[in-house]
Amino acid sequence: MPTTVHTIGHGRAAFAAVAEVLALHGVATIIDVRSHPYSRHAPQFSRPVLDGLAAASGFGYRWMGDALGGRPDDPALLRADGSLDGEALRRSPRFRAALVDVVTLAQGGGVALLCAEEQPQHCHRSRIIAPALGEMGVTVLHLFHDGSASAHQDSLGI
């Protein structure tokens, strides 16, 4: 049976709305892939608050932004202008090991990679993480606030 990993961006939605979509798609564990899990626009998605809300709603919560985040602290993963070097991130042993952890979690139950960007095409979860998972034979489904889902390639119009 193929392994599936979901993704979702919280945007400015309330946690309850995001939780409803996750539950609809059988997600059991939220994997936070934000390098800096804090939001002044959506404070319920700041790491300590989110961890508590997830637990109270029956979800597991794991922060993996140190390995999968789009704004790493490691200068070797950045271009000269300070922007993310996506290829360097994808080649990093830490990133690769984190992907194995994600797949292992997904094989044990539904998981969703959470980031801030509501639309996947504007986020590193579709530009960097989803293609890497695809290379591992994993199906990636992007979830939307209206409850719909789209396969990774379809979401990007490919």
N, C-alpha and C. Protein backbone atom coordinates (compact mmCIF):
# COMPACT_ATOMS: atom_id res chain seq x y z
N MET A 1 0.85 -1.18 0.00
CA MET A 1 0.00 0.00 0.00
C MET A 1 0.89 1.24 0.00
N PRO A 2 0.64 2.18 -0.92
CA PRO A 2 1.49 3.36 -1.00
C PRO A 2 1.34 4.25 0.23
N THR A 3 2.43 4.90 0.58
CA THR A 3 2.44 5.82 1.71
C THR A 3 2.00 7.19 1.23
N THR A 4 1.16 7.85 2.04
CA THR A 4 0.68 9.18 1.71
C THR A 4 1.07 10.15 2.82
N VAL A 5 1.54 11.32 2.42
CA VAL A 5 1.82 12.42 3.33
C VAL A 5 0.98 13.61 2.87
N HIS A 6 0.26 14.22 3.80
CA HIS A 6 -0.53 15.41 3.51
C HIS A 6 0.27 16.65 3.87
N THR A 7 -0.10 17.78 3.28
CA THR A 7 0.46 19.06 3.69
C THR A 7 -0.69 20.04 3.85
N ILE A 8 -0.47 21.04 4.70
CA ILE A 8 -1.45 22.11 4.85
C ILE A 8 -0.74 23.36 5.35
N GLY A 9 -1.22 24.50 4.90
CA GLY A 9 -0.72 25.77 5.39
C GLY A 9 -1.81 26.42 6.22
N HIS A 10 -1.44 26.93 7.40
CA HIS A 10 -2.48 27.48 8.27
C HIS A 10 -2.99 28.84 7.83
N GLY A 11 -2.17 29.62 7.12
CA GLY A 11 -2.62 30.95 6.72
C GLY A 11 -3.11 31.73 7.92
N ARG A 12 -4.29 32.32 7.80
CA ARG A 12 -4.89 33.07 8.91
C ARG A 12 -6.09 32.34 9.50
N ALA A 13 -6.21 31.05 9.18
CA ALA A 13 -7.34 30.26 9.67
C ALA A 13 -7.21 30.00 11.17
N ALA A 14 -8.33 29.75 11.79
CA ALA A 14 -8.34 29.34 13.20
C ALA A 14 -7.86 27.90 13.28
N PHE A 15 -7.29 27.53 14.41
CA PHE A 15 -6.83 26.15 14.58
C PHE A 15 -7.99 25.17 14.37
N ALA A 16 -9.16 25.50 14.88
CA ALA A 16 -10.31 24.59 14.76
C ALA A 16 -10.63 24.28 13.30
N ALA A 17 -10.50 25.27 12.43
CA ALA A 17 -10.79 25.05 11.00
C ALA A 17 -9.74 24.13 10.38
N VAL A 18 -8.48 24.34 10.72
CA VAL A 18 -7.42 23.49 10.20
C VAL A 18 -7.59 22.07 10.76
N ALA A 19 -7.90 21.96 12.05
CA ALA A 19 -8.08 20.65 12.68
C ALA A 19 -9.23 19.88 12.02
N GLU A 20 -10.27 20.58 11.64
CA GLU A 20 -11.41 19.92 10.98
C GLU A 20 -10.99 19.30 9.65
N VAL A 21 -10.19 20.03 8.87
CA VAL A 21 -9.70 19.51 7.59
C VAL A 21 -8.77 18.32 7.82
N LEU A 22 -7.88 18.44 8.80
CA LEU A 22 -6.96 17.34 9.10
C LEU A 22 -7.73 16.08 9.50
N ALA A 23 -8.71 16.24 10.36
CA ALA A 23 -9.51 15.09 10.81
C ALA A 23 -10.27 14.46 9.64
N LEU A 24 -10.80 15.31 8.76
CA LEU A 24 -11.52 14.82 7.58
C LEU A 24 -10.65 13.90 6.73
N HIS A 25 -9.37 14.17 6.70
CA HIS A 25 -8.45 13.39 5.87
C HIS A 25 -7.66 12.34 6.66
N GLY A 26 -8.09 12.08 7.89
CA GLY A 26 -7.49 11.00 8.67
C GLY A 26 -6.10 11.28 9.21
N VAL A 27 -5.78 12.54 9.38
CA VAL A 27 -4.47 12.90 9.91
C VAL A 27 -4.46 12.68 11.42
N ALA A 28 -3.43 12.01 11.90
CA ALA A 28 -3.27 11.76 13.33
C ALA A 28 -2.14 12.60 13.93
N THR A 29 -1.15 12.96 13.10
CA THR A 29 0.02 13.69 13.59
C THR A 29 0.31 14.90 12.72
N ILE A 30 0.47 16.04 13.36
CA ILE A 30 0.86 17.28 12.69
C ILE A 30 2.38 17.37 12.79
N ILE A 31 3.04 17.50 11.65
CA ILE A 31 4.48 17.69 11.61
C ILE A 31 4.74 19.12 11.16
N ASP A 32 5.19 19.93 12.10
CA ASP A 32 5.43 21.35 11.86
C ASP A 32 6.77 21.51 11.15
N VAL A 33 6.75 22.02 9.91
CA VAL A 33 7.98 22.16 9.13
C VAL A 33 8.43 23.62 9.02
N ARG A 34 7.95 24.45 9.93
CA ARG A 34 8.39 25.85 9.95
C ARG A 34 9.69 25.95 10.74
N SER A 35 10.66 26.63 10.17
CA SER A 35 11.94 26.80 10.86
C SER A 35 11.76 27.53 12.18
N HIS A 36 10.89 28.52 12.17
CA HIS A 36 10.63 29.33 13.36
C HIS A 36 9.13 29.28 13.63
N PRO A 37 8.68 28.32 14.42
CA PRO A 37 7.23 28.08 14.61
C PRO A 37 6.57 29.11 15.52
N TYR A 38 6.43 30.30 14.96
CA TYR A 38 5.81 31.41 15.66
C TYR A 38 5.01 32.20 14.63
N SER A 39 3.86 32.71 15.03
CA SER A 39 3.07 33.54 14.13
C SER A 39 2.42 34.67 14.92
N ARG A 40 2.75 35.89 14.57
CA ARG A 40 2.08 37.01 15.24
C ARG A 40 0.69 37.23 14.66
N HIS A 41 0.47 36.79 13.40
CA HIS A 41 -0.85 36.94 12.77
C HIS A 41 -1.82 35.83 13.19
N ALA A 42 -1.27 34.69 13.55
CA ALA A 42 -2.08 33.54 13.97
C ALA A 42 -1.40 32.92 15.19
N PRO A 43 -1.50 33.60 16.36
CA PRO A 43 -0.74 33.15 17.54
C PRO A 43 -1.08 31.73 18.00
N GLN A 44 -2.24 31.21 17.61
CA GLN A 44 -2.57 29.83 17.99
C GLN A 44 -1.67 28.82 17.29
N PHE A 45 -0.91 29.28 16.29
CA PHE A 45 0.02 28.39 15.60
C PHE A 45 1.46 28.59 16.06
N SER A 46 1.66 29.32 17.15
CA SER A 46 2.98 29.38 17.76
C SER A 46 3.22 28.05 18.45
N ARG A 47 4.44 27.58 18.43
CA ARG A 47 4.76 26.21 18.82
C ARG A 47 4.15 25.76 20.15
N PRO A 48 4.34 26.47 21.27
CA PRO A 48 3.81 25.93 22.53
C PRO A 48 2.28 25.88 22.54
N VAL A 49 1.65 26.88 21.94
CA VAL A 49 0.18 26.90 21.88
C VAL A 49 -0.32 25.79 20.97
N LEU A 50 0.31 25.66 19.81
CA LEU A 50 -0.09 24.64 18.84
C LEU A 50 0.07 23.24 19.42
N ASP A 51 1.15 23.01 20.12
CA ASP A 51 1.38 21.71 20.74
C ASP A 51 0.22 21.36 21.67
N GLY A 52 -0.21 22.32 22.48
CA GLY A 52 -1.32 22.10 23.41
C GLY A 52 -2.65 21.91 22.69
N LEU A 53 -2.91 22.75 21.68
CA LEU A 53 -4.16 22.63 20.93
C LEU A 53 -4.23 21.29 20.19
N ALA A 54 -3.11 20.89 19.62
CA ALA A 54 -3.08 19.61 18.91
C ALA A 54 -3.41 18.46 19.86
N ALA A 55 -2.76 18.45 21.02
CA ALA A 55 -2.99 17.37 22.00
C ALA A 55 -4.44 17.37 22.47
N ALA A 56 -4.98 18.56 22.75
CA ALA A 56 -6.37 18.66 23.22
C ALA A 56 -7.37 18.21 22.16
N SER A 57 -6.96 18.28 20.89
CA SER A 57 -7.84 17.88 19.79
C SER A 57 -7.59 16.46 19.31
N GLY A 58 -6.68 15.75 19.98
CA GLY A 58 -6.42 14.36 19.64
C GLY A 58 -5.34 14.13 18.60
N PHE A 59 -4.58 15.16 18.27
CA PHE A 59 -3.50 15.02 17.29
C PHE A 59 -2.16 14.91 18.01
N GLY A 60 -1.26 14.17 17.42
CA GLY A 60 0.12 14.22 17.84
C GLY A 60 0.74 15.47 17.22
N TYR A 61 1.83 15.94 17.79
CA TYR A 61 2.52 17.12 17.25
C TYR A 61 4.02 16.88 17.31
N ARG A 62 4.69 17.13 16.18
CA ARG A 62 6.16 17.06 16.13
C ARG A 62 6.67 18.27 15.38
N TRP A 63 7.65 18.92 15.96
CA TRP A 63 8.31 20.01 15.26
C TRP A 63 9.54 19.44 14.56
N MET A 64 9.61 19.63 13.23
CA MET A 64 10.75 19.15 12.46
C MET A 64 11.32 20.28 11.60
N GLY A 65 11.03 21.51 11.99
CA GLY A 65 11.50 22.66 11.23
C GLY A 65 13.00 22.85 11.26
N ASP A 66 13.66 22.25 12.25
CA ASP A 66 15.12 22.34 12.30
C ASP A 66 15.77 21.59 11.14
N ALA A 67 15.10 20.56 10.64
CA ALA A 67 15.63 19.76 9.53
C ALA A 67 14.90 20.02 8.21
N LEU A 68 13.61 20.33 8.29
CA LEU A 68 12.80 20.46 7.08
C LEU A 68 12.35 21.90 6.79
N GLY A 69 12.72 22.82 7.63
CA GLY A 69 12.27 24.21 7.49
C GLY A 69 12.89 24.93 6.31
N GLY A 70 12.17 25.91 5.82
CA GLY A 70 12.59 26.70 4.66
C GLY A 70 13.49 27.87 5.01
N ARG A 71 13.77 28.06 6.29
CA ARG A 71 14.65 29.15 6.72
C ARG A 71 15.69 28.62 7.72
N PRO A 72 16.57 27.77 7.22
CA PRO A 72 17.54 27.13 8.12
C PRO A 72 18.57 28.11 8.67
N ASP A 73 19.11 27.76 9.82
CA ASP A 73 20.16 28.57 10.45
C ASP A 73 21.54 28.22 9.90
N ASP A 74 21.67 27.08 9.26
CA ASP A 74 22.96 26.62 8.74
C ASP A 74 23.35 27.44 7.51
N PRO A 75 24.43 28.22 7.56
CA PRO A 75 24.83 29.03 6.41
C PRO A 75 25.16 28.21 5.17
N ALA A 76 25.51 26.94 5.34
CA ALA A 76 25.80 26.08 4.18
C ALA A 76 24.56 25.82 3.34
N LEU A 77 23.37 26.09 3.90
CA LEU A 77 22.11 25.85 3.19
C LEU A 77 21.52 27.13 2.60
N LEU A 78 22.32 28.20 2.64
CA LEU A 78 21.85 29.49 2.15
C LEU A 78 22.71 29.97 0.99
N ARG A 79 22.08 30.73 0.10
CA ARG A 79 22.81 31.38 -0.99
C ARG A 79 23.52 32.61 -0.43
N ALA A 80 24.34 33.22 -1.26
CA ALA A 80 25.09 34.41 -0.85
C ALA A 80 24.17 35.54 -0.39
N ASP A 81 22.96 35.62 -0.98
CA ASP A 81 22.02 36.69 -0.60
C ASP A 81 21.21 36.34 0.65
N GLY A 82 21.47 35.18 1.26
CA GLY A 82 20.77 34.77 2.47
C GLY A 82 19.51 33.96 2.23
N SER A 83 19.12 33.77 0.97
CA SER A 83 17.93 32.98 0.66
C SER A 83 18.26 31.49 0.70
N LEU A 84 17.23 30.69 0.82
CA LEU A 84 17.39 29.24 0.90
C LEU A 84 17.96 28.68 -0.40
N ASP A 85 18.95 27.82 -0.27
CA ASP A 85 19.45 27.03 -1.40
C ASP A 85 18.74 25.68 -1.29
N GLY A 86 17.64 25.55 -2.01
CA GLY A 86 16.81 24.36 -1.91
C GLY A 86 17.54 23.07 -2.24
N GLU A 87 18.43 23.13 -3.23
CA GLU A 87 19.18 21.92 -3.59
C GLU A 87 20.15 21.52 -2.48
N ALA A 88 20.77 22.50 -1.85
CA ALA A 88 21.68 22.19 -0.73
C ALA A 88 20.88 21.58 0.42
N LEU A 89 19.69 22.13 0.69
CA LEU A 89 18.85 21.57 1.74
C LEU A 89 18.49 20.13 1.42
N ARG A 90 18.06 19.87 0.19
CA ARG A 90 17.65 18.51 -0.20
C ARG A 90 18.79 17.51 -0.11
N ARG A 91 20.02 17.96 -0.30
CA ARG A 91 21.18 17.07 -0.23
C ARG A 91 21.67 16.86 1.20
N SER A 92 21.22 17.67 2.13
CA SER A 92 21.76 17.60 3.49
C SER A 92 21.33 16.30 4.19
N PRO A 93 22.24 15.67 4.91
CA PRO A 93 21.92 14.43 5.62
C PRO A 93 20.78 14.62 6.62
N ARG A 94 20.73 15.76 7.26
CA ARG A 94 19.67 16.03 8.25
C ARG A 94 18.30 16.04 7.58
N PHE A 95 18.18 16.68 6.43
CA PHE A 95 16.94 16.73 5.67
C PHE A 95 16.53 15.31 5.26
N ARG A 96 17.48 14.55 4.71
CA ARG A 96 17.19 13.20 4.24
C ARG A 96 16.73 12.30 5.40
N ALA A 97 17.40 12.43 6.54
CA ALA A 97 17.01 11.63 7.71
C ALA A 97 15.62 12.02 8.20
N ALA A 98 15.31 13.31 8.15
CA ALA A 98 13.98 13.77 8.59
C ALA A 98 12.90 13.23 7.66
N LEU A 99 13.19 13.15 6.36
CA LEU A 99 12.21 12.58 5.43
C LEU A 99 11.92 11.12 5.77
N VAL A 100 12.95 10.39 6.12
CA VAL A 100 12.76 8.98 6.52
C VAL A 100 11.85 8.93 7.75
N ASP A 101 12.06 9.85 8.71
CA ASP A 101 11.20 9.91 9.90
C ASP A 101 9.75 10.21 9.51
N VAL A 102 9.56 11.14 8.58
CA VAL A 102 8.20 11.49 8.13
C VAL A 102 7.53 10.27 7.51
N VAL A 103 8.25 9.57 6.65
CA VAL A 103 7.67 8.39 5.98
C VAL A 103 7.34 7.31 7.01
N THR A 104 8.20 7.11 7.96
CA THR A 104 7.95 6.12 9.01
C THR A 104 6.69 6.48 9.80
N LEU A 105 6.57 7.75 10.16
CA LEU A 105 5.35 8.20 10.86
C LEU A 105 4.12 8.01 9.99
N ALA A 106 4.23 8.34 8.70
CA ALA A 106 3.09 8.21 7.78
C ALA A 106 2.66 6.77 7.61
N GLN A 107 3.60 5.85 7.68
CA GLN A 107 3.25 4.42 7.55
C GLN A 107 2.49 3.93 8.77
N GLY A 108 2.63 4.65 9.89
CA GLY A 108 1.93 4.27 11.12
C GLY A 108 0.60 4.98 11.30
N GLY A 109 0.29 5.95 10.47
CA GLY A 109 -0.95 6.72 10.58
C GLY A 109 -0.84 8.00 9.78
N GLY A 110 -1.95 8.66 9.60
CA GLY A 110 -1.97 9.87 8.78
C GLY A 110 -1.13 10.99 9.36
N VAL A 111 -0.34 11.63 8.50
CA VAL A 111 0.45 12.78 8.92
C VAL A 111 0.21 13.95 7.96
N ALA A 112 0.40 15.15 8.49
CA ALA A 112 0.33 16.35 7.66
C ALA A 112 1.48 17.26 8.01
N LEU A 113 2.19 17.71 6.99
CA LEU A 113 3.23 18.70 7.15
C LEU A 113 2.56 20.06 7.22
N LEU A 114 2.80 20.79 8.29
CA LEU A 114 2.17 22.09 8.49
C LEU A 114 3.18 23.20 8.29
N CYS A 115 2.78 24.22 7.53
CA CYS A 115 3.58 25.42 7.35
C CYS A 115 2.62 26.61 7.39
N ALA A 116 3.14 27.79 7.24
CA ALA A 116 2.31 29.00 7.33
C ALA A 116 1.61 29.34 6.03
N GLU A 117 2.29 29.14 4.90
CA GLU A 117 1.72 29.53 3.61
C GLU A 117 0.48 28.71 3.28
N GLU A 118 -0.63 29.39 3.09
CA GLU A 118 -1.88 28.68 2.82
C GLU A 118 -1.84 27.93 1.49
N GLN A 119 -1.31 28.56 0.45
CA GLN A 119 -1.26 27.93 -0.87
C GLN A 119 0.06 27.18 -1.04
N PRO A 120 -0.01 25.91 -1.36
CA PRO A 120 1.21 25.10 -1.42
C PRO A 120 2.23 25.60 -2.44
N GLN A 121 1.77 26.15 -3.54
CA GLN A 121 2.72 26.59 -4.57
C GLN A 121 3.60 27.75 -4.12
N HIS A 122 3.24 28.38 -3.00
CA HIS A 122 4.04 29.48 -2.46
C HIS A 122 4.93 29.03 -1.31
N CYS A 123 5.03 27.74 -1.10
CA CYS A 123 5.69 27.22 0.09
C CYS A 123 6.74 26.18 -0.23
N HIS A 124 7.74 26.11 0.62
CA HIS A 124 8.81 25.12 0.44
C HIS A 124 8.29 23.69 0.58
N ARG A 125 7.12 23.51 1.19
CA ARG A 125 6.62 22.14 1.33
C ARG A 125 6.27 21.55 -0.04
N SER A 126 5.91 22.40 -1.02
CA SER A 126 5.63 21.87 -2.37
C SER A 126 6.82 22.02 -3.30
N ARG A 127 7.69 22.98 -3.06
CA ARG A 127 8.83 23.19 -3.95
C ARG A 127 10.01 22.29 -3.59
N ILE A 128 10.13 21.92 -2.31
CA ILE A 128 11.32 21.17 -1.88
C ILE A 128 10.95 19.83 -1.24
N ILE A 129 10.05 19.86 -0.25
CA ILE A 129 9.76 18.63 0.49
C ILE A 129 8.96 17.64 -0.34
N ALA A 130 7.88 18.08 -0.97
CA ALA A 130 7.03 17.15 -1.74
C ALA A 130 7.79 16.46 -2.87
N PRO A 131 8.60 17.16 -3.66
CA PRO A 131 9.34 16.43 -4.69
C PRO A 131 10.30 15.39 -4.12
N ALA A 132 10.92 15.71 -2.99
CA ALA A 132 11.83 14.75 -2.36
C ALA A 132 11.06 13.52 -1.88
N LEU A 133 9.88 13.74 -1.32
CA LEU A 133 9.05 12.61 -0.90
C LEU A 133 8.60 11.79 -2.12
N GLY A 134 8.25 12.48 -3.19
CA GLY A 134 7.85 11.80 -4.42
C GLY A 134 8.94 10.89 -4.94
N GLU A 135 10.19 11.34 -4.85
CA GLU A 135 11.32 10.52 -5.29
C GLU A 135 11.45 9.26 -4.44
N MET A 136 10.88 9.29 -3.23
CA MET A 136 10.91 8.13 -2.34
C MET A 136 9.69 7.24 -2.55
N GLY A 137 8.84 7.58 -3.53
CA GLY A 137 7.65 6.79 -3.81
C GLY A 137 6.45 7.15 -2.96
N VAL A 138 6.50 8.29 -2.28
CA VAL A 138 5.42 8.73 -1.41
C VAL A 138 4.45 9.60 -2.20
N THR A 139 3.16 9.40 -1.97
CA THR A 139 2.13 10.26 -2.54
C THR A 139 1.94 11.46 -1.62
N VAL A 140 1.97 12.65 -2.20
CA VAL A 140 1.78 13.87 -1.41
C VAL A 140 0.47 14.52 -1.83
N LEU A 141 -0.39 14.76 -0.82
CA LEU A 141 -1.67 15.43 -1.04
C LEU A 141 -1.68 16.74 -0.28
N HIS A 142 -1.92 17.83 -1.00
CA HIS A 142 -2.03 19.14 -0.37
C HIS A 142 -3.50 19.35 0.03
N LEU A 143 -3.69 19.73 1.29
CA LEU A 143 -5.03 19.97 1.81
C LEU A 143 -5.33 21.46 1.80
N PHE A 144 -6.59 21.78 1.58
CA PHE A 144 -7.03 23.17 1.51
C PHE A 144 -8.10 23.43 2.56
N HIS A 145 -8.26 24.67 2.93
CA HIS A 145 -9.16 25.03 4.02
C HIS A 145 -10.62 24.67 3.74
N ASP A 146 -10.99 24.51 2.48
CA ASP A 146 -12.37 24.12 2.17
C ASP A 146 -12.59 22.61 2.30
N GLY A 147 -11.54 21.88 2.71
CA GLY A 147 -11.65 20.44 2.89
C GLY A 147 -11.19 19.63 1.69
N SER A 148 -10.94 20.30 0.58
CA SER A 148 -10.50 19.57 -0.62
C SER A 148 -9.02 19.21 -0.50
N ALA A 149 -8.61 18.31 -1.37
CA ALA A 149 -7.22 17.87 -1.44
C ALA A 149 -6.84 17.76 -2.91
N SER A 150 -5.55 17.96 -3.16
CA SER A 150 -5.05 17.85 -4.52
C SER A 150 -3.69 17.16 -4.49
N ALA A 151 -3.52 16.22 -5.40
CA ALA A 151 -2.22 15.55 -5.51
C ALA A 151 -1.16 16.59 -5.82
N HIS A 152 0.04 16.34 -5.37
CA HIS A 152 1.12 17.33 -5.50
C HIS A 152 1.25 17.88 -6.90
N GLN A 153 1.41 17.04 -7.91
CA GLN A 153 1.59 17.53 -9.27
C GLN A 153 0.39 18.32 -9.77
N ASP A 154 -0.82 17.87 -9.43
CA ASP A 154 -2.03 18.58 -9.84
C ASP A 154 -2.11 19.96 -9.20
N SER A 155 -1.67 20.08 -7.96
CA SER A 155 -1.74 21.35 -7.25
C SER A 155 -0.91 22.42 -7.92
N LEU A 156 0.16 22.00 -8.59
CA LEU A 156 1.06 22.95 -9.21
C LEU A 156 0.75 23.16 -10.69
N GLY A 157 -0.30 22.51 -11.17
CA GLY A 157 -0.67 22.67 -12.57
C GLY A 157 0.27 21.94 -13.53
N ILE A 158 0.96 20.94 -13.02
CA ILE A 158 1.91 20.19 -13.86
C ILE A 158 1.20 19.01 -14.50
